[in-house]
Amino acid sequence: LATRDFRINIPLQSDATGGSIEDAVTAFGRAADRLSA
């Protein structure tokens, strides 16, 4: 019935040279939320 490509990019909310696994997991969740919308 229909096809579509979804590309989502979410910056980490931390310094580019730092950041933690928690920052990354939060960004994964935000990407999934935007995809869902």
Full PDB file with SEQRES, HELIX, SHEET, SSBOND, CRYST1, ORIGX, SCALE, CONECT and MASTER records, all heavy atoms in Angstrom:
SEQRES   1 A   37  LEU ALA THR ARG ASP PHE ARG ILE ASN ILE PRO LEU GLN          
SEQRES   2 A   37  SER ASP ALA THR GLY GLY SER ILE GLU ASP ALA VAL THR          
SEQRES   3 A   37  ALA PHE GLY ARG ALA ALA ASP ARG LEU SER ALA                  
HELIX    1 AA1 ILE A   21  SER A   36  1                                  16    
CRYST1    1.000    1.000    1.000  90.00  90.00  90.00 P 1           1          
ORIGX1      1.000000  0.000000  0.000000        0.00000                         
ORIGX2      0.000000  1.000000  0.000000        0.00000                         
ORIGX3      0.000000  0.000000  1.000000        0.00000                         
SCALE1      1.000000  0.000000  0.000000        0.00000                         
SCALE2      0.000000  1.000000  0.000000        0.00000                         
SCALE3      0.000000  0.000000  1.000000        0.00000                         
ATOM      1  N   LEU A   1       0.811  -1.213   0.000  1.00  0.00           N  
ATOM      2  CA  LEU A   1       0.000   0.000   0.000  1.00  0.00           C  
ATOM      3  C   LEU A   1       0.847   1.267   0.000  1.00  0.00           C  
ATOM      4  O   LEU A   1       0.459   2.278  -0.587  1.00  0.00           O  
ATOM      5  CB  LEU A   1      -0.921   0.008   1.230  1.00  0.00           C  
ATOM      6  CG  LEU A   1      -1.861  -1.193   1.375  1.00  0.00           C  
ATOM      7  CD1 LEU A   1      -2.630  -1.101   2.690  1.00  0.00           C  
ATOM      8  CD2 LEU A   1      -2.820  -1.264   0.186  1.00  0.00           C  
ATOM      9  N   ALA A   2       1.992   1.220   0.679  1.00  0.00           N  
ATOM     10  CA  ALA A   2       2.845   2.406   0.761  1.00  0.00           C  
ATOM     11  C   ALA A   2       4.215   1.989   1.277  1.00  0.00           C  
ATOM     12  O   ALA A   2       4.349   0.994   1.995  1.00  0.00           O  
ATOM     13  CB  ALA A   2       2.231   3.456   1.687  1.00  0.00           C  
ATOM     14  N   THR A   3       5.227   2.757   0.878  1.00  0.00           N  
ATOM     15  CA  THR A   3       6.582   2.551   1.391  1.00  0.00           C  
ATOM     16  C   THR A   3       7.163   3.902   1.801  1.00  0.00           C  
ATOM     17  O   THR A   3       6.778   4.945   1.255  1.00  0.00           O  
ATOM     18  CB  THR A   3       7.514   1.918   0.340  1.00  0.00           C  
ATOM     19  OG1 THR A   3       7.632   2.808  -0.784  1.00  0.00           O  
ATOM     20  CG2 THR A   3       6.975   0.575  -0.132  1.00  0.00           C  
ATOM     21  N   ARG A   4       8.093   3.858   2.746  1.00  0.00           N  
ATOM     22  CA  ARG A   4       8.735   5.104   3.164  1.00  0.00           C  
ATOM     23  C   ARG A   4      10.024   4.796   3.904  1.00  0.00           C  
ATOM     24  O   ARG A   4      10.121   3.797   4.621  1.00  0.00           O  
ATOM     25  CB  ARG A   4       7.804   5.915   4.064  1.00  0.00           C  
ATOM     26  CG  ARG A   4       8.401   7.258   4.484  1.00  0.00           C  
ATOM     27  CD  ARG A   4       7.380   8.148   5.131  1.00  0.00           C  
ATOM     28  NE  ARG A   4       8.017   9.281   5.795  1.00  0.00           N  
ATOM     29  CZ  ARG A   4       7.366  10.211   6.484  1.00  0.00           C  
ATOM     30  NH1 ARG A   4       6.047  10.164   6.591  1.00  0.00           N  
ATOM     31  NH2 ARG A   4       8.016  11.199   7.074  1.00  0.00           N  
ATOM     32  N   ASP A   5      11.025   5.657   3.721  1.00  0.00           N  
ATOM     33  CA  ASP A   5      12.283   5.585   4.469  1.00  0.00           C  
ATOM     34  C   ASP A   5      12.256   6.628   5.577  1.00  0.00           C  
ATOM     35  O   ASP A   5      11.905   7.795   5.340  1.00  0.00           O  
ATOM     36  CB  ASP A   5      13.481   5.859   3.552  1.00  0.00           C  
ATOM     37  CG  ASP A   5      13.711   4.744   2.547  1.00  0.00           C  
ATOM     38  OD1 ASP A   5      13.056   3.682   2.661  1.00  0.00           O  
ATOM     39  OD2 ASP A   5      14.547   4.941   1.643  1.00  0.00           O  
ATOM     40  N   PHE A   6      12.661   6.214   6.776  1.00  0.00           N  
ATOM     41  CA  PHE A   6      12.711   7.116   7.922  1.00  0.00           C  
ATOM     42  C   PHE A   6      14.160   7.235   8.385  1.00  0.00           C  
ATOM     43  O   PHE A   6      14.789   6.233   8.733  1.00  0.00           O  
ATOM     44  CB  PHE A   6      11.849   6.583   9.072  1.00  0.00           C  
ATOM     45  CG  PHE A   6      10.382   6.500   8.752  1.00  0.00           C  
ATOM     46  CD1 PHE A   6       9.846   5.346   8.190  1.00  0.00           C  
ATOM     47  CD2 PHE A   6       9.533   7.576   9.004  1.00  0.00           C  
ATOM     48  CE1 PHE A   6       8.488   5.262   7.898  1.00  0.00           C  
ATOM     49  CE2 PHE A   6       8.181   7.501   8.704  1.00  0.00           C  
ATOM     50  CZ  PHE A   6       7.659   6.340   8.151  1.00  0.00           C  
ATOM     51  N   ARG A   7      14.667   8.455   8.380  1.00  0.00           N  
ATOM     52  CA  ARG A   7      16.028   8.722   8.855  1.00  0.00           C  
ATOM     53  C   ARG A   7      15.953   9.701  10.023  1.00  0.00           C  
ATOM     54  O   ARG A   7      15.450  10.812   9.873  1.00  0.00           O  
ATOM     55  CB  ARG A   7      16.906   9.309   7.744  1.00  0.00           C  
ATOM     56  CG  ARG A   7      17.182   8.351   6.587  1.00  0.00           C  
ATOM     57  CD  ARG A   7      18.077   9.003   5.549  1.00  0.00           C  
ATOM     58  NE  ARG A   7      18.334   8.145   4.409  1.00  0.00           N  
ATOM     59  CZ  ARG A   7      19.345   7.297   4.325  1.00  0.00           C  
ATOM     60  NH1 ARG A   7      20.217   7.203   5.333  1.00  0.00           N  
ATOM     61  NH2 ARG A   7      19.520   6.543   3.247  1.00  0.00           N  
ATOM     62  N   ILE A   8      16.443   9.263  11.179  1.00  0.00           N  
ATOM     63  CA  ILE A   8      16.385  10.064  12.392  1.00  0.00           C  
ATOM     64  C   ILE A   8      17.814  10.311  12.883  1.00  0.00           C  
ATOM     65  O   ILE A   8      18.623   9.376  12.956  1.00  0.00           O  
ATOM     66  CB  ILE A   8      15.580   9.355  13.496  1.00  0.00           C  
ATOM     67  CG1 ILE A   8      14.218   8.885  12.960  1.00  0.00           C  
ATOM     68  CG2 ILE A   8      15.426  10.252  14.717  1.00  0.00           C  
ATOM     69  CD1 ILE A   8      13.291   9.996  12.558  1.00  0.00           C  
ATOM     70  N   ASN A   9      18.115  11.571  13.230  1.00  0.00           N  
ATOM     71  CA  ASN A   9      19.416  11.932  13.796  1.00  0.00           C  
ATOM     72  C   ASN A   9      19.183  12.752  15.060  1.00  0.00           C  
ATOM     73  O   ASN A   9      18.542  13.804  15.008  1.00  0.00           O  
ATOM     74  CB  ASN A   9      20.239  12.743  12.800  1.00  0.00           C  
ATOM     75  CG  ASN A   9      20.683  11.930  11.597  1.00  0.00           C  
ATOM     76  OD1 ASN A   9      21.701  11.255  11.647  1.00  0.00           O  
ATOM     77  ND2 ASN A   9      19.913  11.986  10.519  1.00  0.00           N  
ATOM     78  N   ILE A  10      19.714  12.267  16.176  1.00  0.00           N  
ATOM     79  CA  ILE A  10      19.531  12.934  17.468  1.00  0.00           C  
ATOM     80  C   ILE A  10      20.900  13.185  18.093  1.00  0.00           C  
ATOM     81  O   ILE A  10      21.609  12.235  18.450  1.00  0.00           O  
ATOM     82  CB  ILE A  10      18.674  12.087  18.422  1.00  0.00           C  
ATOM     83  CG1 ILE A  10      17.297  11.818  17.826  1.00  0.00           C  
ATOM     84  CG2 ILE A  10      18.572  12.767  19.783  1.00  0.00           C  
ATOM     85  CD1 ILE A  10      16.426  13.052  17.703  1.00  0.00           C  
ATOM     86  N   PRO A  11      21.324  14.455  18.237  1.00  0.00           N  
ATOM     87  CA  PRO A  11      22.608  14.738  18.911  1.00  0.00           C  
ATOM     88  C   PRO A  11      22.569  14.323  20.378  1.00  0.00           C  
ATOM     89  O   PRO A  11      21.530  14.429  21.039  1.00  0.00           O  
ATOM     90  CB  PRO A  11      22.756  16.252  18.764  1.00  0.00           C  
ATOM     91  CG  PRO A  11      21.818  16.641  17.669  1.00  0.00           C  
ATOM     92  CD  PRO A  11      20.681  15.676  17.726  1.00  0.00           C  
ATOM     93  N   LEU A  12      23.711  13.852  20.888  1.00  0.00           N  
ATOM     94  CA  LEU A  12      23.820  13.559  22.306  1.00  0.00           C  
ATOM     95  C   LEU A  12      23.857  14.864  23.086  1.00  0.00           C  
ATOM     96  O   LEU A  12      24.480  15.847  22.647  1.00  0.00           O  
ATOM     97  CB  LEU A  12      25.078  12.751  22.609  1.00  0.00           C  
ATOM     98  CG  LEU A  12      24.937  11.226  22.580  1.00  0.00           C  
ATOM     99  CD1 LEU A  12      24.626  10.731  21.180  1.00  0.00           C  
ATOM    100  CD2 LEU A  12      26.188  10.554  23.130  1.00  0.00           C  
ATOM    101  N   GLN A  13      23.212  14.888  24.220  1.00  0.00           N  
ATOM    102  CA  GLN A  13      23.184  16.083  25.051  1.00  0.00           C  
ATOM    103  C   GLN A  13      24.382  16.079  25.982  1.00  0.00           C  
ATOM    104  O   GLN A  13      24.277  15.987  27.199  1.00  0.00           O  
ATOM    105  CB  GLN A  13      21.883  16.145  25.844  1.00  0.00           C  
ATOM    106  CG  GLN A  13      20.657  16.324  24.964  1.00  0.00           C  
ATOM    107  CD  GLN A  13      19.374  16.371  25.754  1.00  0.00           C  
ATOM    108  OE1 GLN A  13      19.262  15.799  26.831  1.00  0.00           O  
ATOM    109  NE2 GLN A  13      18.384  17.076  25.221  1.00  0.00           N  
ATOM    110  N   SER A  14      25.552  16.151  25.381  1.00  0.00           N  
ATOM    111  CA  SER A  14      26.804  16.163  26.144  1.00  0.00           C  
ATOM    112  C   SER A  14      27.893  16.691  25.237  1.00  0.00           C  
ATOM    113  O   SER A  14      27.714  16.866  24.035  1.00  0.00           O  
ATOM    114  CB  SER A  14      27.160  14.753  26.629  1.00  0.00           C  
ATOM    115  OG  SER A  14      27.364  13.891  25.522  1.00  0.00           O  
ATOM    116  N   ASP A  15      29.064  16.939  25.820  1.00  0.00           N  
ATOM    117  CA  ASP A  15      30.196  17.403  25.034  1.00  0.00           C  
ATOM    118  C   ASP A  15      30.605  16.339  24.033  1.00  0.00           C  
ATOM    119  O   ASP A  15      30.562  15.136  24.322  1.00  0.00           O  
ATOM    120  CB  ASP A  15      31.386  17.716  25.952  1.00  0.00           C  
ATOM    121  CG  ASP A  15      32.567  18.282  25.174  1.00  0.00           C  
ATOM    122  OD1 ASP A  15      32.533  19.467  24.825  1.00  0.00           O  
ATOM    123  OD2 ASP A  15      33.502  17.512  24.924  1.00  0.00           O  
ATOM    124  N   ALA A  16      31.020  16.753  22.852  1.00  0.00           N  
ATOM    125  CA  ALA A  16      31.333  15.800  21.777  1.00  0.00           C  
ATOM    126  C   ALA A  16      32.459  14.858  22.153  1.00  0.00           C  
ATOM    127  O   ALA A  16      32.530  13.741  21.667  1.00  0.00           O  
ATOM    128  CB  ALA A  16      31.702  16.557  20.499  1.00  0.00           C  
ATOM    129  N   THR A  17      33.388  15.287  23.007  1.00  0.00           N  
ATOM    130  CA  THR A  17      34.513  14.435  23.376  1.00  0.00           C  
ATOM    131  C   THR A  17      34.255  13.664  24.663  1.00  0.00           C  
ATOM    132  O   THR A  17      35.053  12.824  25.038  1.00  0.00           O  
ATOM    133  CB  THR A  17      35.782  15.278  23.550  1.00  0.00           C  
ATOM    134  OG1 THR A  17      35.537  16.257  24.591  1.00  0.00           O  
ATOM    135  CG2 THR A  17      36.133  15.988  22.270  1.00  0.00           C  
ATOM    136  N   GLY A  18      33.151  13.972  25.344  1.00  0.00           N  
ATOM    137  CA  GLY A  18      32.850  13.282  26.589  1.00  0.00           C  
ATOM    138  C   GLY A  18      31.616  12.437  26.438  1.00  0.00           C  
ATOM    139  O   GLY A  18      31.477  11.673  25.506  1.00  0.00           O  
ATOM    140  N   GLY A  19      30.681  12.609  27.362  1.00  0.00           N  
ATOM    141  CA  GLY A  19      29.444  11.846  27.272  1.00  0.00           C  
ATOM    142  C   GLY A  19      29.576  10.488  27.921  1.00  0.00           C  
ATOM    143  O   GLY A  19      30.672   9.978  28.144  1.00  0.00           O  
ATOM    144  N   SER A  20      28.468   9.903  28.225  1.00  0.00           N  
ATOM    145  CA  SER A  20      28.440   8.622  28.914  1.00  0.00           C  
ATOM    146  C   SER A  20      27.463   7.691  28.208  1.00  0.00           C  
ATOM    147  O   SER A  20      26.739   8.102  27.293  1.00  0.00           O  
ATOM    148  CB  SER A  20      28.002   8.832  30.366  1.00  0.00           C  
ATOM    149  OG  SER A  20      26.670   9.331  30.401  1.00  0.00           O  
ATOM    150  N   ILE A  21      27.437   6.453  28.664  1.00  0.00           N  
ATOM    151  CA  ILE A  21      26.491   5.504  28.111  1.00  0.00           C  
ATOM    152  C   ILE A  21      25.061   5.965  28.407  1.00  0.00           C  
ATOM    153  O   ILE A  21      24.157   5.769  27.592  1.00  0.00           O  
ATOM    154  CB  ILE A  21      26.759   4.084  28.664  1.00  0.00           C  
ATOM    155  CG1 ILE A  21      25.765   3.076  28.082  1.00  0.00           C  
ATOM    156  CG2 ILE A  21      26.731   4.064  30.168  1.00  0.00           C  
ATOM    157  CD1 ILE A  21      25.798   2.946  26.583  1.00  0.00           C  
ATOM    158  N   GLU A  22      24.853   6.618  29.542  1.00  0.00           N  
ATOM    159  CA  GLU A  22      23.518   7.129  29.861  1.00  0.00           C  
ATOM    160  C   GLU A  22      23.079   8.187  28.849  1.00  0.00           C  
ATOM    161  O   GLU A  22      21.915   8.225  28.449  1.00  0.00           O  
ATOM    162  CB  GLU A  22      23.491   7.708  31.278  1.00  0.00           C  
ATOM    163  CG  GLU A  22      23.576   6.674  32.384  1.00  0.00           C  
ATOM    164  CD  GLU A  22      24.985   6.212  32.670  1.00  0.00           C  
ATOM    165  OE1 GLU A  22      25.937   6.755  32.052  1.00  0.00           O  
ATOM    166  OE2 GLU A  22      25.150   5.306  33.515  1.00  0.00           O  
ATOM    167  N   ASP A  23      24.014   9.070  28.430  1.00  0.00           N  
ATOM    168  CA  ASP A  23      23.698  10.066  27.406  1.00  0.00           C  
ATOM    169  C   ASP A  23      23.294   9.388  26.098  1.00  0.00           C  
ATOM    170  O   ASP A  23      22.343   9.804  25.421  1.00  0.00           O  
ATOM    171  CB  ASP A  23      24.900  10.981  27.152  1.00  0.00           C  
ATOM    172  CG  ASP A  23      25.252  11.819  28.364  1.00  0.00           C  
ATOM    173  OD1 ASP A  23      24.342  12.238  29.087  1.00  0.00           O  
ATOM    174  OD2 ASP A  23      26.464  12.046  28.585  1.00  0.00           O  
ATOM    175  N   ALA A  24      24.033   8.346  25.740  1.00  0.00           N  
ATOM    176  CA  ALA A  24      23.745   7.634  24.495  1.00  0.00           C  
ATOM    177  C   ALA A  24      22.380   6.953  24.555  1.00  0.00           C  
ATOM    178  O   ALA A  24      21.584   7.051  23.608  1.00  0.00           O  
ATOM    179  CB  ALA A  24      24.839   6.607  24.214  1.00  0.00           C  
ATOM    180  N   VAL A  25      22.086   6.278  25.660  1.00  0.00           N  
ATOM    181  CA  VAL A  25      20.801   5.582  25.791  1.00  0.00           C  
ATOM    182  C   VAL A  25      19.647   6.579  25.730  1.00  0.00           C  
ATOM    183  O   VAL A  25      18.613   6.320  25.101  1.00  0.00           O  
ATOM    184  CB  VAL A  25      20.771   4.761  27.091  1.00  0.00           C  
ATOM    185  CG1 VAL A  25      19.360   4.263  27.392  1.00  0.00           C  
ATOM    186  CG2 VAL A  25      21.733   3.581  26.988  1.00  0.00           C  
ATOM    187  N   THR A  26      19.813   7.735  26.359  1.00  0.00           N  
ATOM    188  CA  THR A  26      18.784   8.775  26.289  1.00  0.00           C  
ATOM    189  C   THR A  26      18.545   9.203  24.848  1.00  0.00           C  
ATOM    190  O   THR A  26      17.393   9.372  24.413  1.00  0.00           O  
ATOM    191  CB  THR A  26      19.205   9.996  27.131  1.00  0.00           C  
ATOM    192  OG1 THR A  26      19.289   9.598  28.505  1.00  0.00           O  
ATOM    193  CG2 THR A  26      18.183  11.124  27.009  1.00  0.00           C  
ATOM    194  N   ALA A  27      19.617   9.362  24.081  1.00  0.00           N  
ATOM    195  CA  ALA A  27      19.479   9.765  22.677  1.00  0.00           C  
ATOM    196  C   ALA A  27      18.820   8.664  21.847  1.00  0.00           C  
ATOM    197  O   ALA A  27      18.020   8.945  20.945  1.00  0.00           O  
ATOM    198  CB  ALA A  27      20.847  10.125  22.101  1.00  0.00           C  
ATOM    199  N   PHE A  28      19.128   7.403  22.123  1.00  0.00           N  
ATOM    200  CA  PHE A  28      18.450   6.306  21.434  1.00  0.00           C  
ATOM    201  C   PHE A  28      16.942   6.368  21.691  1.00  0.00           C  
ATOM    202  O   PHE A  28      16.131   6.172  20.778  1.00  0.00           O  
ATOM    203  CB  PHE A  28      18.992   4.954  21.904  1.00  0.00           C  
ATOM    204  CG  PHE A  28      20.233   4.492  21.200  1.00  0.00           C  
ATOM    205  CD1 PHE A  28      21.464   4.519  21.837  1.00  0.00           C  
ATOM    206  CD2 PHE A  28      20.172   4.011  19.897  1.00  0.00           C  
ATOM    207  CE1 PHE A  28      22.621   4.088  21.201  1.00  0.00           C  
ATOM    208  CE2 PHE A  28      21.330   3.571  19.242  1.00  0.00           C  
ATOM    209  CZ  PHE A  28      22.555   3.610  19.901  1.00  0.00           C  
ATOM    210  N   GLY A  29      16.560   6.641  22.932  1.00  0.00           N  
ATOM    211  CA  GLY A  29      15.147   6.749  23.252  1.00  0.00           C  
ATOM    212  C   GLY A  29      14.471   7.899  22.536  1.00  0.00           C  
ATOM    213  O   GLY A  29      13.346   7.758  22.031  1.00  0.00           O  
ATOM    214  N   ARG A  30      15.139   9.041  22.464  1.00  0.00           N  
ATOM    215  CA  ARG A  30      14.578  10.191  21.761  1.00  0.00           C  
ATOM    216  C   ARG A  30      14.436   9.908  20.271  1.00  0.00           C  
ATOM    217  O   ARG A  30      13.466  10.329  19.626  1.00  0.00           O  
ATOM    218  CB  ARG A  30      15.449  11.425  21.993  1.00  0.00           C  
ATOM    219  CG  ARG A  30      15.417  11.949  23.426  1.00  0.00           C  
ATOM    220  CD  ARG A  30      16.446  13.040  23.644  1.00  0.00           C  
ATOM    221  NE  ARG A  30      16.236  14.143  22.706  1.00  0.00           N  
ATOM    222  CZ  ARG A  30      17.222  14.903  22.210  1.00  0.00           C  
ATOM    223  NH1 ARG A  30      18.487  14.647  22.524  1.00  0.00           N  
ATOM    224  NH2 ARG A  30      16.945  15.873  21.391  1.00  0.00           N  
ATOM    225  N   ALA A  31      15.403   9.177  19.705  1.00  0.00           N  
ATOM    226  CA  ALA A  31      15.314   8.803  18.287  1.00  0.00           C  
ATOM    227  C   ALA A  31      14.115   7.889  18.047  1.00  0.00           C  
ATOM    228  O   ALA A  31      13.379   8.053  17.064  1.00  0.00           O  
ATOM    229  CB  ALA A  31      16.605   8.115  17.849  1.00  0.00           C  
ATOM    230  N   ALA A  32      13.892   6.932  18.945  1.00  0.00           N  
ATOM    231  CA  ALA A  32      12.745   6.033  18.801  1.00  0.00           C  
ATOM    232  C   ALA A  32      11.426   6.784  18.965  1.00  0.00           C  
ATOM    233  O   ALA A  32      10.440   6.489  18.280  1.00  0.00           O  
ATOM    234  CB  ALA A  32      12.857   4.897  19.812  1.00  0.00           C  
ATOM    235  N   ASP A  33      11.391   7.772  19.863  1.00  0.00           N  
ATOM    236  CA  ASP A  33      10.186   8.591  20.033  1.00  0.00           C  
ATOM    237  C   ASP A  33       9.874   9.371  18.754  1.00  0.00           C  
ATOM    238  O   ASP A  33       8.716   9.432  18.318  1.00  0.00           O  
ATOM    239  CB  ASP A  33      10.367   9.579  21.192  1.00  0.00           C  
ATOM    240  CG  ASP A  33      10.335   8.910  22.552  1.00  0.00           C  
ATOM    241  OD1 ASP A  33       9.796   7.798  22.669  1.00  0.00           O  
ATOM    242  OD2 ASP A  33      10.868   9.510  23.513  1.00  0.00           O  
ATOM    243  N   ARG A  34      10.899   9.992  18.176  1.00  0.00           N  
ATOM    244  CA  ARG A  34      10.671  10.765  16.945  1.00  0.00           C  
ATOM    245  C   ARG A  34      10.240   9.842  15.803  1.00  0.00           C  
ATOM    246  O   ARG A  34       9.339  10.183  15.027  1.00  0.00           O  
ATOM    247  CB  ARG A  34      11.922  11.539  16.551  1.00  0.00           C  
ATOM    248  CG  ARG A  34      11.703  12.408  15.312  1.00  0.00           C  
ATOM    249  CD  ARG A  34      12.912  13.260  14.977  1.00  0.00           C  
ATOM    250  NE  ARG A  34      13.182  14.232  16.016  1.00  0.00           N  
ATOM    251  CZ  ARG A  34      14.192  15.112  15.974  1.00  0.00           C  
ATOM    252  NH1 ARG A  34      15.013  15.112  14.931  1.00  0.00           N  
ATOM    253  NH2 ARG A  34      14.373  15.967  16.951  1.00  0.00           N  
ATOM    254  N   LEU A  35      10.893   8.691  15.699  1.00  0.00           N  
ATOM    255  CA  LEU A  35      10.483   7.726  14.676  1.00  0.00           C  
ATOM    256  C   LEU A  35       9.019   7.344  14.871  1.00  0.00           C  
ATOM    257  O   LEU A  35       8.252   7.290  13.898  1.00  0.00           O  
ATOM    258  CB  LEU A  35      11.364   6.482  14.744  1.00  0.00           C  
ATOM    259  CG  LEU A  35      10.926   5.332  13.833  1.00  0.00           C  
ATOM    260  CD1 LEU A  35      11.210   5.662  12.369  1.00  0.00           C  
ATOM    261  CD2 LEU A  35      11.616   4.023  14.233  1.00  0.00           C  
ATOM    262  N   SER A  36       8.617   7.084  16.099  1.00  0.00           N  
ATOM    263  CA  SER A  36       7.243   6.683  16.381  1.00  0.00           C  
ATOM    264  C   SER A  36       6.256   7.754  15.936  1.00  0.00           C  
ATOM    265  O   SER A  36       5.198   7.443  15.367  1.00  0.00           O  
ATOM    266  CB  SER A  36       7.074   6.398  17.880  1.00  0.00           C  
ATOM    267  OG  SER A  36       7.874   5.307  18.285  1.00  0.00           O  
ATOM    268  N   ALA A  37       6.590   9.020  16.179  1.00  0.00           N  
ATOM    269  CA  ALA A  37       5.705  10.112  15.770  1.00  0.00           C  
ATOM    270  C   ALA A  37       5.571  10.172  14.251  1.00  0.00           C  
ATOM    271  O   ALA A  37       4.465  10.344  13.716  1.00  0.00           O  
ATOM    272  CB  ALA A  37       6.240  11.435  16.316  1.00  0.00           C  
TER     273      ALA A  37                                                      
MASTER        0    0    0    1    0    0    0    6  272    1    0    3          
END                                                                             
